[in-house]
Amino acid sequence: MHQDIQSILLSEEDIKQIVSRLGEEISRDYADKNPLIVTVLRGAFVFTADLVRAITVPCAVDFMAVSSYGSGVKSSGVVRIVKDLDTNVEGRHIVIAEDILDSGLTLSYLMNLLSNRGCASISICAFAVKDVPGHVPAVRPNYVGTHVPDEFIVGYGLDYAERYRNLPYVGILKPEVYTK
């Protein structure tokens, strides 16, 4: 375990089981639909790479980069598109692959944007949903990998200040690391 990690929430094996289940669910629901998996960069790239390998029906992948955090640890609430899709989404069935659903504001914005571009359908596949007491996210994912506590988690693509993405597990970051 990395020295900055307080505890491990999800092991490599836990992650494999979650992704396998999500791939089976999406494959079942999107048979004969050739979904476009839209990856929200950067955090979801590791999850999406595993997810598309677990999907057994034809699918395509494209990438979007958005920012709502700036350099802080809390969302600013203002969504900015950093990299847009290269694929025309008109008439396409879209699955947005997201690393972690927190407030849901960014996903709500993306769903409205893609809907206005004429896609056939949109669903959300969230690797993790953060359980924040007294808070209901702005969107509800169609596919949920797991629920995580209201802690600062890293690993498996999730980062703090561009660090820890390469950890093969998901862990809780020690508070002293991000409160310095």
Protein backbone atom coordinates (compact mmCIF):
# COMPACT_ATOMS: atom_id res chain seq x y z
CA MET A 1 0.00 0.00 0.00
CA HIS A 2 1.24 3.50 -0.87
CA GLN A 3 2.39 5.57 2.12
CA ASP A 4 -0.22 8.31 1.40
CA ILE A 5 -3.13 5.86 1.50
CA GLN A 6 -5.10 5.55 4.72
CA SER A 7 -6.88 2.32 3.71
CA ILE A 8 -7.83 0.30 0.65
CA LEU A 9 -11.51 0.38 -0.29
CA LEU A 10 -11.43 -1.78 -3.41
CA SER A 11 -8.79 -4.35 -4.25
CA GLU A 12 -7.72 -5.27 -7.78
CA GLU A 13 -9.99 -8.32 -7.56
CA ASP A 14 -12.95 -6.20 -6.37
CA ILE A 15 -12.42 -3.89 -9.34
CA LYS A 16 -12.30 -6.79 -11.82
CA GLN A 17 -15.58 -8.16 -10.50
CA ILE A 18 -17.28 -4.75 -10.66
CA VAL A 19 -16.13 -4.07 -14.22
CA SER A 20 -17.08 -7.57 -15.38
CA ARG A 21 -20.61 -7.14 -14.01
CA LEU A 22 -20.99 -3.71 -15.62
CA GLY A 23 -19.76 -5.07 -18.96
CA GLU A 24 -22.33 -7.88 -18.81
CA GLU A 25 -25.15 -5.42 -18.01
CA ILE A 26 -24.23 -3.04 -20.83
CA SER A 27 -23.78 -5.93 -23.29
CA ARG A 28 -27.25 -7.23 -22.44
CA ASP A 29 -28.92 -3.81 -22.68
CA TYR A 30 -27.12 -2.67 -25.85
CA ALA A 31 -27.22 -5.83 -27.98
CA ASP A 32 -27.60 -4.73 -31.63
CA LYS A 33 -27.23 -1.01 -30.74
CA ASN A 34 -23.48 -0.42 -31.24
CA PRO A 35 -23.22 2.05 -28.34
CA LEU A 36 -20.74 4.89 -28.26
CA ILE A 37 -18.88 4.80 -24.97
CA VAL A 38 -18.06 8.40 -24.10
CA THR A 39 -15.18 8.57 -21.69
CA VAL A 40 -14.88 11.52 -19.36
CA LEU A 41 -11.16 12.22 -19.14
CA ARG A 42 -8.96 11.97 -17.32
CA GLY A 43 -10.17 9.96 -14.37
CA ALA A 44 -12.32 7.49 -16.30
CA PHE A 45 -9.71 6.37 -18.83
CA VAL A 46 -8.51 3.37 -16.79
CA PHE A 47 -12.06 2.27 -16.00
CA THR A 48 -13.16 2.69 -19.62
CA ALA A 49 -10.26 0.65 -20.98
CA ASP A 50 -11.30 -2.24 -18.74
CA LEU A 51 -15.01 -1.67 -19.37
CA VAL A 52 -14.83 -1.86 -23.17
CA ARG A 53 -12.90 -5.12 -22.87
CA ALA A 54 -15.74 -6.46 -20.71
CA ILE A 55 -18.44 -5.40 -23.20
CA THR A 56 -19.14 -8.25 -25.60
CA VAL A 57 -21.20 -6.36 -28.21
CA PRO A 58 -19.78 -4.01 -30.85
CA CYS A 59 -19.14 -0.55 -29.44
CA ALA A 60 -17.16 2.56 -30.24
CA VAL A 61 -15.25 4.87 -27.91
CA ASP A 62 -14.68 8.60 -27.90
CA PHE A 63 -13.26 10.99 -25.34
CA MET A 64 -14.30 14.24 -23.71
CA ALA A 65 -12.34 16.25 -21.23
CA VAL A 66 -14.21 18.57 -18.94
CA SER A 67 -13.23 20.53 -15.91
CA SER A 68 -15.32 21.63 -12.96
CA TYR A 69 -12.67 21.46 -10.26
CA GLY A 70 -9.92 23.84 -11.27
CA SER A 71 -7.05 23.21 -8.85
CA GLY A 72 -9.19 22.60 -5.76
CA VAL A 73 -10.65 19.52 -4.16
CA LYS A 74 -14.30 20.64 -4.43
CA SER A 75 -16.22 21.24 -7.66
CA SER A 76 -16.47 24.86 -8.73
CA GLY A 77 -19.90 24.15 -10.26
CA VAL A 78 -18.79 25.68 -13.58
CA VAL A 79 -18.25 23.09 -16.31
CA ARG A 80 -15.74 23.83 -19.04
CA ILE A 81 -15.19 21.57 -22.07
CA VAL A 82 -11.47 21.07 -22.52
CA LYS A 83 -11.69 18.46 -25.32
CA ASP A 84 -14.86 17.76 -27.27
CA LEU A 85 -15.92 14.56 -29.01
CA ASP A 86 -14.64 13.72 -32.48
CA THR A 87 -17.69 11.52 -33.24
CA ASN A 88 -21.01 12.82 -34.53
CA VAL A 89 -23.49 11.61 -31.89
CA GLU A 90 -26.68 12.21 -33.87
CA GLY A 91 -28.79 9.05 -33.70
CA ARG A 92 -26.23 7.22 -31.54
CA HIS A 93 -26.86 5.35 -28.31
CA ILE A 94 -24.42 6.82 -25.79
CA VAL A 95 -23.05 5.38 -22.57
CA ILE A 96 -21.11 7.95 -20.57
CA ALA A 97 -18.37 6.20 -18.61
CA GLU A 98 -17.57 8.14 -15.44
CA ASP A 99 -15.05 7.35 -12.74
CA ILE A 100 -16.93 8.73 -9.75
CA LEU A 101 -20.30 10.38 -9.37
CA ASP A 102 -20.24 13.07 -6.72
CA SER A 103 -22.53 16.06 -7.20
CA GLY A 104 -23.62 14.95 -10.68
CA LEU A 105 -23.47 18.52 -11.99
CA THR A 106 -20.87 17.74 -14.64
CA LEU A 107 -22.78 14.71 -15.87
CA SER A 108 -26.04 16.66 -15.93
CA TYR A 109 -24.34 19.27 -18.10
CA LEU A 110 -22.92 16.60 -20.45
CA MET A 111 -26.27 14.83 -20.75
CA ASN A 112 -27.96 18.09 -21.78
CA LEU A 113 -25.18 18.90 -24.23
CA LEU A 114 -25.27 15.47 -25.89
CA SER A 115 -29.06 15.36 -25.92
CA ASN A 116 -29.11 18.68 -27.76
CA ARG A 117 -26.82 17.12 -30.37
CA GLY A 118 -29.51 14.59 -31.24
CA CYS A 119 -28.32 11.30 -29.78
CA ALA A 120 -30.83 8.41 -29.67
CA SER A 121 -30.30 7.71 -25.97
CA ILE A 122 -27.93 8.48 -23.11
CA SER A 123 -27.08 6.37 -20.10
CA ILE A 124 -24.49 6.77 -17.40
CA CYS A 125 -22.14 4.07 -16.19
CA ALA A 126 -20.43 5.21 -12.99
CA PHE A 127 -17.64 3.10 -11.59
CA ALA A 128 -18.34 4.57 -8.15
CA VAL A 129 -21.05 6.69 -6.58
CA LYS A 130 -20.01 8.74 -3.57
CA ASP A 131 -22.49 8.44 -0.71
CA VAL A 132 -22.75 11.91 0.78
CA PRO A 133 -25.20 12.08 3.70
CA GLY A 134 -28.13 14.37 2.95
CA HIS A 135 -27.11 14.89 -0.69
CA VAL A 136 -28.85 13.54 -3.79
CA PRO A 137 -26.78 13.75 -7.00
CA ALA A 138 -28.17 15.83 -9.89
CA VAL A 139 -28.33 12.68 -12.05
CA ARG A 140 -28.96 9.02 -11.38
CA PRO A 141 -26.65 6.56 -13.14
CA ASN A 142 -28.13 3.65 -15.08
CA TYR A 143 -25.18 1.44 -14.16
CA VAL A 144 -23.47 1.64 -10.78
CA GLY A 145 -20.26 -0.21 -10.08
CA THR A 146 -20.14 0.41 -6.35
CA HIS A 147 -20.85 2.95 -3.65
CA VAL A 148 -18.02 4.62 -1.77
CA PRO A 149 -17.98 6.70 1.41
CA ASP A 150 -17.68 10.47 1.44
CA GLU A 151 -13.89 10.38 1.55
CA PHE A 152 -11.18 11.54 -0.83
CA ILE A 153 -10.46 8.42 -2.85
CA VAL A 154 -7.68 7.81 -5.35
CA GLY A 155 -6.33 5.02 -7.52
CA TYR A 156 -7.63 3.20 -10.59
CA GLY A 157 -7.59 6.46 -12.54
CA LEU A 158 -8.80 8.69 -9.70
CA ASP A 159 -6.29 11.31 -8.68
CA TYR A 160 -5.32 14.11 -6.41
CA ALA A 161 -3.21 16.78 -8.13
CA GLU A 162 -2.49 14.32 -10.99
CA ARG A 163 -1.02 11.76 -8.59
CA TYR A 164 -2.12 8.23 -7.60
CA ARG A 165 -3.97 7.43 -10.88
CA ASN A 166 -1.69 4.46 -11.43
CA LEU A 167 -2.51 2.69 -8.19
CA PRO A 168 -4.11 -0.68 -9.06
CA TYR A 169 -6.64 -0.36 -6.23
CA VAL A 170 -8.95 2.33 -4.87
CA GLY A 171 -7.93 3.78 -1.54
CA ILE A 172 -8.74 6.59 0.84
CA LEU A 173 -6.15 9.36 0.71
CA LYS A 174 -4.81 10.49 4.07
CA PRO A 175 -6.31 13.93 4.88
CA GLU A 176 -2.91 15.42 5.66
CA VAL A 177 -1.94 14.93 1.99
CA TYR A 178 -4.68 17.21 0.60
CA THR A 179 -5.05 19.65 3.51
CA LYS A 180 -1.46 20.89 3.50
